[in-house]
Amino acid sequence: MAHSTWDHRHWVIIPVTELENVDFSQVCETSIDTVRKSVDETQTFVKWDGESMPATVTALENKSEVYSHAEILAILATEAWTNPDPPHGV
């Protein structure tokens, strides 16, 4: 079985209010301004490569379980994360 880039990448969903506690040098996202947010803008996620959760993520008080690539794709495909009726012209 071939390995993909995603095999060692992990995701957790966090409240947007936790972003100020994230050290962006420890995760794949580059800044508070570049994260993807849920449709209602109350949740976001961070991801990292490797088995060990970065200290900055471990320290977050409010976080989901750790998700695989397939699991996060299924979550992001829901209406909570993907607007079923995007504005016209987008």
PDB file of N, CA and C in Angstrom:
ATOM      1  N   MET A   1       0.843  -1.179   0.000  1.00  0.00           N
ATOM      2  CA  MET A   1       0.000   0.000   0.000  1.00  0.00           C
ATOM      3  C   MET A   1       0.889   1.242   0.000  1.00  0.00           C
ATOM      4  N   ALA A   2       0.649   2.138  -0.922  1.00  0.00           N
ATOM      5  CA  ALA A   2       1.439   3.361  -1.018  1.00  0.00           C
ATOM      6  C   ALA A   2       1.035   4.334   0.084  1.00  0.00           C
ATOM      7  N   HIS A   3       2.024   5.034   0.583  1.00  0.00           N
ATOM      8  CA  HIS A   3       1.755   6.047   1.610  1.00  0.00           C
ATOM      9  C   HIS A   3       1.527   7.384   0.934  1.00  0.00           C
ATOM     10  N   SER A   4       0.680   8.190   1.540  1.00  0.00           N
ATOM     11  CA  SER A   4       0.435   9.519   0.998  1.00  0.00           C
ATOM     12  C   SER A   4       0.944  10.568   1.974  1.00  0.00           C
ATOM     13  N   THR A   5       0.949  11.800   1.508  1.00  0.00           N
ATOM     14  CA  THR A   5       1.350  12.936   2.328  1.00  0.00           C
ATOM     15  C   THR A   5       0.498  13.023   3.580  1.00  0.00           C
ATOM     16  N   TRP A   6      -0.736  12.561   3.490  1.00  0.00           N
ATOM     17  CA  TRP A   6      -1.696  12.736   4.579  1.00  0.00           C
ATOM     18  C   TRP A   6      -1.582  11.689   5.673  1.00  0.00           C
ATOM     19  N   ASP A   7      -0.820  10.625   5.449  1.00  0.00           N
ATOM     20  CA  ASP A   7      -0.742   9.536   6.419  1.00  0.00           C
ATOM     21  C   ASP A   7      -0.255   9.978   7.795  1.00  0.00           C
ATOM     22  N   HIS A   8       0.603  10.967   7.836  1.00  0.00           N
ATOM     23  CA  HIS A   8       1.185  11.401   9.106  1.00  0.00           C
ATOM     24  C   HIS A   8       0.707  12.787   9.520  1.00  0.00           C
ATOM     25  N   ARG A   9      -0.350  13.267   8.886  1.00  0.00           N
ATOM     26  CA  ARG A   9      -0.912  14.578   9.227  1.00  0.00           C
ATOM     27  C   ARG A   9      -2.149  14.360  10.088  1.00  0.00           C
ATOM     28  N   HIS A  10      -2.311  15.211  11.084  1.00  0.00           N
ATOM     29  CA  HIS A  10      -3.420  15.100  12.029  1.00  0.00           C
ATOM     30  C   HIS A  10      -4.088  16.454  12.208  1.00  0.00           C
ATOM     31  N   TRP A  11      -5.372  16.427  12.536  1.00  0.00           N
ATOM     32  CA  TRP A  11      -6.188  17.636  12.677  1.00  0.00           C
ATOM     33  C   TRP A  11      -6.938  17.609  13.996  1.00  0.00           C
ATOM     34  N   VAL A  12      -7.145  18.792  14.596  1.00  0.00           N
ATOM     35  CA  VAL A  12      -8.100  18.950  15.690  1.00  0.00           C
ATOM     36  C   VAL A  12      -8.915  20.206  15.420  1.00  0.00           C
ATOM     37  N   ILE A  13     -10.172  20.145  15.780  1.00  0.00           N
ATOM     38  CA  ILE A  13     -11.073  21.294  15.660  1.00  0.00           C
ATOM     39  C   ILE A  13     -11.056  22.027  16.997  1.00  0.00           C
ATOM     40  N   ILE A  14     -10.976  23.348  16.906  1.00  0.00           N
ATOM     41  CA  ILE A  14     -10.933  24.174  18.115  1.00  0.00           C
ATOM     42  C   ILE A  14     -11.879  25.365  17.958  1.00  0.00           C
ATOM     43  N   PRO A  15     -12.310  25.942  19.065  1.00  0.00           N
ATOM     44  CA  PRO A  15     -13.077  27.184  18.966  1.00  0.00           C
ATOM     45  C   PRO A  15     -12.167  28.303  18.447  1.00  0.00           C
ATOM     46  N   VAL A  16     -12.714  29.209  17.687  1.00  0.00           N
ATOM     47  CA  VAL A  16     -11.942  30.344  17.172  1.00  0.00           C
ATOM     48  C   VAL A  16     -11.298  31.112  18.327  1.00  0.00           C
ATOM     49  N   THR A  17     -11.955  31.126  19.475  1.00  0.00           N
ATOM     50  CA  THR A  17     -11.418  31.851  20.630  1.00  0.00           C
ATOM     51  C   THR A  17     -10.097  31.277  21.134  1.00  0.00           C
ATOM     52  N   GLU A  18      -9.765  30.049  20.755  1.00  0.00           N
ATOM     53  CA  GLU A  18      -8.494  29.432  21.160  1.00  0.00           C
ATOM     54  C   GLU A  18      -7.328  29.838  20.254  1.00  0.00           C
ATOM     55  N   LEU A  19      -7.609  30.466  19.117  1.00  0.00           N
ATOM     56  CA  LEU A  19      -6.539  30.797  18.173  1.00  0.00           C
ATOM     57  C   LEU A  19      -5.435  31.643  18.787  1.00  0.00           C
ATOM     58  N   GLU A  20      -5.789  32.528  19.707  1.00  0.00           N
ATOM     59  CA  GLU A  20      -4.774  33.384  20.325  1.00  0.00           C
ATOM     60  C   GLU A  20      -3.778  32.577  21.153  1.00  0.00           C
ATOM     61  N   ASN A  21      -4.102  31.323  21.459  1.00  0.00           N
ATOM     62  CA  ASN A  21      -3.222  30.459  22.245  1.00  0.00           C
ATOM     63  C   ASN A  21      -2.374  29.518  21.389  1.00  0.00           C
ATOM     64  N   VAL A  22      -2.510  29.599  20.072  1.00  0.00           N
ATOM     65  CA  VAL A  22      -1.782  28.711  19.167  1.00  0.00           C
ATOM     66  C   VAL A  22      -0.454  29.343  18.759  1.00  0.00           C
ATOM     67  N   ASP A  23       0.624  28.578  18.897  1.00  0.00           N
ATOM     68  CA  ASP A  23       1.936  28.988  18.386  1.00  0.00           C
ATOM     69  C   ASP A  23       1.997  28.463  16.948  1.00  0.00           C
ATOM     70  N   PHE A  24       1.850  29.358  15.985  1.00  0.00           N
ATOM     71  CA  PHE A  24       1.746  28.943  14.587  1.00  0.00           C
ATOM     72  C   PHE A  24       3.041  28.374  14.020  1.00  0.00           C
ATOM     73  N   SER A  25       4.136  28.470  14.749  1.00  0.00           N
ATOM     74  CA  SER A  25       5.373  27.822  14.301  1.00  0.00           C
ATOM     75  C   SER A  25       5.325  26.312  14.551  1.00  0.00           C
ATOM     76  N   GLN A  26       4.326  25.842  15.312  1.00  0.00           N
ATOM     77  CA  GLN A  26       4.213  24.420  15.641  1.00  0.00           C
ATOM     78  C   GLN A  26       3.141  23.682  14.841  1.00  0.00           C
ATOM     79  N   VAL A  27       2.397  24.405  14.004  1.00  0.00           N
ATOM     80  CA  VAL A  27       1.327  23.793  13.214  1.00  0.00           C
ATOM     81  C   VAL A  27       1.498  24.175  11.744  1.00  0.00           C
ATOM     82  N   CYS A  28       0.717  23.565  10.878  1.00  0.00           N
ATOM     83  CA  CYS A  28       0.838  23.822   9.437  1.00  0.00           C
ATOM     84  C   CYS A  28       0.249  25.166   9.016  1.00  0.00           C
ATOM     85  N   GLU A  29      -0.736  25.666   9.745  1.00  0.00           N
ATOM     86  CA  GLU A  29      -1.318  26.967   9.410  1.00  0.00           C
ATOM     87  C   GLU A  29      -0.275  28.048   9.690  1.00  0.00           C
ATOM     88  N   THR A  30      -0.370  29.163   8.962  1.00  0.00           N
ATOM     89  CA  THR A  30       0.666  30.190   9.083  1.00  0.00           C
ATOM     90  C   THR A  30       0.316  31.335  10.016  1.00  0.00           C
ATOM     91  N   SER A  31      -0.971  31.597  10.215  1.00  0.00           N
ATOM     92  CA  SER A  31      -1.347  32.702  11.102  1.00  0.00           C
ATOM     93  C   SER A  31      -2.829  32.627  11.444  1.00  0.00           C
ATOM     94  N   ILE A  32      -3.215  33.438  12.388  1.00  0.00           N
ATOM     95  CA  ILE A  32      -4.612  33.534  12.805  1.00  0.00           C
ATOM     96  C   ILE A  32      -5.493  34.004  11.644  1.00  0.00           C
ATOM     97  N   ASP A  33      -4.885  34.703  10.685  1.00  0.00           N
ATOM     98  CA  ASP A  33      -5.630  35.260   9.553  1.00  0.00           C
ATOM     99  C   ASP A  33      -5.815  34.285   8.396  1.00  0.00           C
ATOM    100  N   THR A  34      -5.142  33.135   8.434  1.00  0.00           N
ATOM    101  CA  THR A  34      -5.194  32.218   7.290  1.00  0.00           C
ATOM    102  C   THR A  34      -5.918  30.905   7.583  1.00  0.00           C
ATOM    103  N   VAL A  35      -6.489  30.774   8.771  1.00  0.00           N
ATOM    104  CA  VAL A  35      -7.191  29.528   9.099  1.00  0.00           C
ATOM    105  C   VAL A  35      -8.562  29.492   8.438  1.00  0.00           C
ATOM    106  N   ARG A  36      -9.024  28.299   8.155  1.00  0.00           N
ATOM    107  CA  ARG A  36     -10.391  28.125   7.659  1.00  0.00           C
ATOM    108  C   ARG A  36     -11.324  28.089   8.859  1.00  0.00           C
ATOM    109  N   LYS A  37     -12.466  28.724   8.716  1.00  0.00           N
ATOM    110  CA  LYS A  37     -13.450  28.758   9.799  1.00  0.00           C
ATOM    111  C   LYS A  37     -14.741  28.081   9.355  1.00  0.00           C
ATOM    112  N   SER A  38     -15.484  27.624  10.340  1.00  0.00           N
ATOM    113  CA  SER A  38     -16.804  27.055  10.065  1.00  0.00           C
ATOM    114  C   SER A  38     -17.704  28.150   9.508  1.00  0.00           C
ATOM    115  N   VAL A  39     -18.822  27.752   8.912  1.00  0.00           N
ATOM    116  CA  VAL A  39     -19.750  28.711   8.301  1.00  0.00           C
ATOM    117  C   VAL A  39     -20.166  29.779   9.313  1.00  0.00           C
ATOM    118  N   ASP A  40     -20.416  29.387  10.554  1.00  0.00           N
ATOM    119  CA  ASP A  40     -20.820  30.372  11.568  1.00  0.00           C
ATOM    120  C   ASP A  40     -19.629  31.076  12.227  1.00  0.00           C
ATOM    121  N   GLU A  41     -18.432  30.752  11.766  1.00  0.00           N
ATOM    122  CA  GLU A  41     -17.173  31.372  12.212  1.00  0.00           C
ATOM    123  C   GLU A  41     -16.880  31.181  13.696  1.00  0.00           C
ATOM    124  N   THR A  42     -17.402  30.114  14.294  1.00  0.00           N
ATOM    125  CA  THR A  42     -17.123  29.843  15.706  1.00  0.00           C
ATOM    126  C   THR A  42     -16.055  28.774  15.899  1.00  0.00           C
ATOM    127  N   GLN A  43     -15.773  27.997  14.842  1.00  0.00           N
ATOM    128  CA  GLN A  43     -14.798  26.920  14.948  1.00  0.00           C
ATOM    129  C   GLN A  43     -13.777  27.014  13.827  1.00  0.00           C
ATOM    130  N   THR A  44     -12.620  26.444  14.096  1.00  0.00           N
ATOM    131  CA  THR A  44     -11.565  26.341  13.101  1.00  0.00           C
ATOM    132  C   THR A  44     -10.815  25.048  13.398  1.00  0.00           C
ATOM    133  N   PHE A  45      -9.717  24.819  12.722  1.00  0.00           N
ATOM    134  CA  PHE A  45      -8.912  23.637  13.013  1.00  0.00           C
ATOM    135  C   PHE A  45      -7.445  23.959  12.801  1.00  0.00           C
ATOM    136  N   VAL A  46      -6.606  23.159  13.414  1.00  0.00           N
ATOM    137  CA  VAL A  46      -5.171  23.220  13.165  1.00  0.00           C
ATOM    138  C   VAL A  46      -4.713  21.814  12.819  1.00  0.00           C
ATOM    139  N   LYS A  47      -3.631  21.749  12.079  1.00  0.00           N
ATOM    140  CA  LYS A  47      -3.099  20.449  11.673  1.00  0.00           C
ATOM    141  C   LYS A  47      -1.590  20.442  11.856  1.00  0.00           C
ATOM    142  N   TRP A  48      -1.046  19.239  11.983  1.00  0.00           N
ATOM    143  CA  TRP A  48       0.392  19.080  12.134  1.00  0.00           C
ATOM    144  C   TRP A  48       0.798  17.751  11.532  1.00  0.00           C
ATOM    145  N   ASP A  49       2.082  17.642  11.250  1.00  0.00           N
ATOM    146  CA  ASP A  49       2.640  16.408  10.714  1.00  0.00           C
ATOM    147  C   ASP A  49       3.351  15.660  11.836  1.00  0.00           C
ATOM    148  N   GLY A  50       3.230  14.348  11.826  1.00  0.00           N
ATOM    149  CA  GLY A  50       3.888  13.521  12.829  1.00  0.00           C
ATOM    150  C   GLY A  50       2.909  13.003  13.862  1.00  0.00           C
ATOM    151  N   GLU A  51       3.354  12.016  14.608  1.00  0.00           N
ATOM    152  CA  GLU A  51       2.495  11.368  15.597  1.00  0.00           C
ATOM    153  C   GLU A  51       2.305  12.208  16.852  1.00  0.00           C
ATOM    154  N   SER A  52       3.298  12.996  17.212  1.00  0.00           N
ATOM    155  CA  SER A  52       3.228  13.762  18.458  1.00  0.00           C
ATOM    156  C   SER A  52       2.460  15.062  18.275  1.00  0.00           C
ATOM    157  N   MET A  53       1.463  15.278  19.127  1.00  0.00           N
ATOM    158  CA  MET A  53       0.705  16.522  19.108  1.00  0.00           C
ATOM    159  C   MET A  53       1.625  17.644  19.595  1.00  0.00           C
ATOM    160  N   PRO A  54       1.700  18.753  18.847  1.00  0.00           N
ATOM    161  CA  PRO A  54       2.539  19.871  19.289  1.00  0.00           C
ATOM    162  C   PRO A  54       2.099  20.379  20.666  1.00  0.00           C
ATOM    163  N   ALA A  55       3.054  20.867  21.434  1.00  0.00           N
ATOM    164  CA  ALA A  55       2.769  21.364  22.786  1.00  0.00           C
ATOM    165  C   ALA A  55       1.695  22.440  22.773  1.00  0.00           C
ATOM    166  N   THR A  56       1.719  23.297  21.767  1.00  0.00           N
ATOM    167  CA  THR A  56       0.731  24.376  21.695  1.00  0.00           C
ATOM    168  C   THR A  56      -0.687  23.830  21.549  1.00  0.00           C
ATOM    169  N   VAL A  57      -0.836  22.703  20.862  1.00  0.00           N
ATOM    170  CA  VAL A  57      -2.156  22.083  20.686  1.00  0.00           C
ATOM    171  C   VAL A  57      -2.537  21.306  21.947  1.00  0.00           C
ATOM    172  N   THR A  58      -1.590  20.590  22.509  1.00  0.00           N
ATOM    173  CA  THR A  58      -1.840  19.855  23.748  1.00  0.00           C
ATOM    174  C   THR A  58      -2.356  20.784  24.837  1.00  0.00           C
ATOM    175  N   ALA A  59      -1.812  21.988  24.899  1.00  0.00           N
ATOM    176  CA  ALA A  59      -2.163  22.944  25.953  1.00  0.00           C
ATOM    177  C   ALA A  59      -3.545  23.573  25.781  1.00  0.00           C
ATOM    178  N   LEU A  60      -4.152  23.438  24.605  1.00  0.00           N
ATOM    179  CA  LEU A  60      -5.473  24.031  24.386  1.00  0.00           C
ATOM    180  C   LEU A  60      -6.512  23.321  25.246  1.00  0.00           C
ATOM    181  N   GLU A  61      -7.312  24.095  25.953  1.00  0.00           N
ATOM    182  CA  GLU A  61      -8.316  23.504  26.838  1.00  0.00           C
ATOM    183  C   GLU A  61      -9.495  22.919  26.073  1.00  0.00           C
ATOM    184  N   ASN A  62      -9.860  23.541  24.964  1.00  0.00           N
ATOM    185  CA  ASN A  62     -11.028  23.115  24.194  1.00  0.00           C
ATOM    186  C   ASN A  62     -10.588  22.647  22.818  1.00  0.00           C
ATOM    187  N   LYS A  63     -10.615  21.347  22.614  1.00  0.00           N
ATOM    188  CA  LYS A  63     -10.258  20.790  21.310  1.00  0.00           C
ATOM    189  C   LYS A  63     -10.990  19.472  21.112  1.00  0.00           C
ATOM    190  N   SER A  64     -11.156  19.133  19.859  1.00  0.00           N
ATOM    191  CA  SER A  64     -11.808  17.869  19.517  1.00  0.00           C
ATOM    192  C   SER A  64     -10.822  16.720  19.679  1.00  0.00           C
ATOM    193  N   GLU A  65     -11.314  15.545  19.368  1.00  0.00           N
ATOM    194  CA  GLU A  65     -10.412  14.410  19.231  1.00  0.00           C
ATOM    195  C   GLU A  65      -9.522  14.663  18.018  1.00  0.00           C
ATOM    196  N   VAL A  66      -8.497  13.858  17.847  1.00  0.00           N
ATOM    197  CA  VAL A  66      -7.598  13.972  16.699  1.00  0.00           C
ATOM    198  C   VAL A  66      -8.240  13.250  15.521  1.00  0.00           C
ATOM    199  N   TYR A  67      -8.243  13.918  14.362  1.00  0.00           N
ATOM    200  CA  TYR A  67      -8.846  13.358  13.158  1.00  0.00           C
ATOM    201  C   TYR A  67      -7.796  13.031  12.106  1.00  0.00           C
ATOM    202  N   SER A  68      -8.085  12.003  11.318  1.00  0.00           N
ATOM    203  CA  SER A  68      -7.272  11.650  10.153  1.00  0.00           C
ATOM    204  C   SER A  68      -7.726  12.497   8.965  1.00  0.00           C
ATOM    205  N   HIS A  69      -7.028  12.374   7.856  1.00  0.00           N
ATOM    206  CA  HIS A  69      -7.384  13.118   6.647  1.00  0.00           C
ATOM    207  C   HIS A  69      -8.798  12.767   6.188  1.00  0.00           C
ATOM    208  N   ALA A  70      -9.107  11.485   6.108  1.00  0.00           N
ATOM    209  CA  ALA A  70     -10.445  11.066   5.660  1.00  0.00           C
ATOM    210  C   ALA A  70     -11.523  11.580   6.607  1.00  0.00           C
ATOM    211  N   GLU A  71     -11.255  11.536   7.900  1.00  0.00           N
ATOM    212  CA  GLU A  71     -12.246  11.997   8.879  1.00  0.00           C
ATOM    213  C   GLU A  71     -12.485  13.499   8.778  1.00  0.00           C
ATOM    214  N   ILE A  72     -11.419  14.291   8.640  1.00  0.00           N
ATOM    215  CA  ILE A  72     -11.595  15.744   8.570  1.00  0.00           C
ATOM    216  C   ILE A  72     -12.274  16.129   7.257  1.00  0.00           C
ATOM    217  N   LEU A  73     -11.979  15.426   6.163  1.00  0.00           N
ATOM    218  CA  LEU A  73     -12.659  15.721   4.896  1.00  0.00           C
ATOM    219  C   LEU A  73     -14.164  15.527   5.028  1.00  0.00           C
ATOM    220  N   ALA A  74     -14.575  14.465   5.708  1.00  0.00           N
ATOM    221  CA  ALA A  74     -16.008  14.210   5.903  1.00  0.00           C
ATOM    222  C   ALA A  74     -16.639  15.319   6.747  1.00  0.00           C
ATOM    223  N   ILE A  75     -15.948  15.766   7.769  1.00  0.00           N
ATOM    224  CA  ILE A  75     -16.460  16.845   8.623  1.00  0.00           C
ATOM    225  C   ILE A  75     -16.557  18.144   7.831  1.00  0.00           C
ATOM    226  N   LEU A  76     -15.515  18.472   7.075  1.00  0.00           N
ATOM    227  CA  LEU A  76     -15.492  19.730   6.326  1.00  0.00           C
ATOM    228  C   LEU A  76     -16.501  19.756   5.185  1.00  0.00           C
ATOM    229  N   ALA A  77     -17.011  18.596   4.794  1.00  0.00           N
ATOM    230  CA  ALA A  77     -18.024  18.528   3.734  1.00  0.00           C
ATOM    231  C   ALA A  77     -19.433  18.791   4.264  1.00  0.00           C
ATOM    232  N   THR A  78     -19.585  18.903   5.576  1.00  0.00           N
ATOM    233  CA  THR A  78     -20.913  19.143   6.150  1.00  0.00           C
ATOM    234  C   THR A  78     -21.309  20.609   6.018  1.00  0.00           C
ATOM    235  N   GLU A  79     -22.600  20.882   6.191  1.00  0.00           N
ATOM    236  CA  GLU A  79     -23.098  22.257   6.084  1.00  0.00           C
ATOM    237  C   GLU A  79     -22.522  23.172   7.155  1.00  0.00           C
ATOM    238  N   ALA A  80     -22.035  22.623   8.240  1.00  0.00           N
ATOM    239  CA  ALA A  80     -21.417  23.449   9.285  1.00  0.00           C
ATOM    240  C   ALA A  80     -20.118  24.078   8.796  1.00  0.00           C
ATOM    241  N   TRP A  81     -19.492  23.429   7.798  1.00  0.00           N
ATOM    242  CA  TRP A  81     -18.195  23.895   7.301  1.00  0.00           C
ATOM    243  C   TRP A  81     -18.234  24.381   5.857  1.00  0.00           C
ATOM    244  N   THR A  82     -19.204  23.954   5.089  1.00  0.00           N
ATOM    245  CA  THR A  82     -19.298  24.328   3.680  1.00  0.00           C
ATOM    246  C   THR A  82     -20.676  24.909   3.434  1.00  0.00           C
ATOM    247  N   ASN A  83     -20.723  26.176   3.088  1.00  0.00           N
ATOM    248  CA  ASN A  83     -21.989  26.869   2.873  1.00  0.00           C
ATOM    249  C   ASN A  83     -22.709  26.250   1.679  1.00  0.00           C
ATOM    250  N   PRO A  84     -23.907  25.700   1.889  1.00  0.00           N
ATOM    251  CA  PRO A  84     -24.631  25.063   0.786  1.00  0.00           C
ATOM    252  C   PRO A  84     -25.183  26.085  -0.209  1.00  0.00           C
ATOM    253  N   ASP A  85     -25.213  27.340   0.167  1.00  0.00           N
ATOM    254  CA  ASP A  85     -25.748  28.399  -0.687  1.00  0.00           C
ATOM    255  C   ASP A  85     -24.791  29.596  -0.673  1.00  0.00           C
ATOM    256  N   PRO A  86     -23.620  29.444  -1.319  1.00  0.00           N
ATOM    257  CA  PRO A  86     -22.643  30.537  -1.291  1.00  0.00           C
ATOM    258  C   PRO A  86     -23.182  31.778  -1.998  1.00  0.00           C
ATOM    259  N   PRO A  87     -22.644  32.945  -1.653  1.00  0.00           N
ATOM    260  CA  PRO A  87     -23.085  34.177  -2.323  1.00  0.00           C
ATOM    261  C   PRO A  87     -22.862  34.083  -3.829  1.00  0.00           C
ATOM    262  N   HIS A  88     -23.704  34.742  -4.598  1.00  0.00           N
ATOM    263  CA  HIS A  88     -23.556  34.734  -6.056  1.00  0.00           C
ATOM    264  C   HIS A  88     -22.251  35.403  -6.445  1.00  0.00           C
ATOM    265  N   GLY A  89     -21.653  34.903  -7.499  1.00  0.00           N
ATOM    266  CA  GLY A  89     -20.410  35.476  -7.996  1.00  0.00           C
ATOM    267  C   GLY A  89     -19.175  34.928  -7.316  1.00  0.00           C
ATOM    268  N   VAL A  90     -19.360  33.935  -6.434  1.00  0.00           N
ATOM    269  CA  VAL A  90     -18.201  33.361  -5.751  1.00  0.00           C
ATOM    270  C   VAL A  90     -17.930  31.992  -6.310  1.00  0.00           C
TER     271      VAL A  90
END
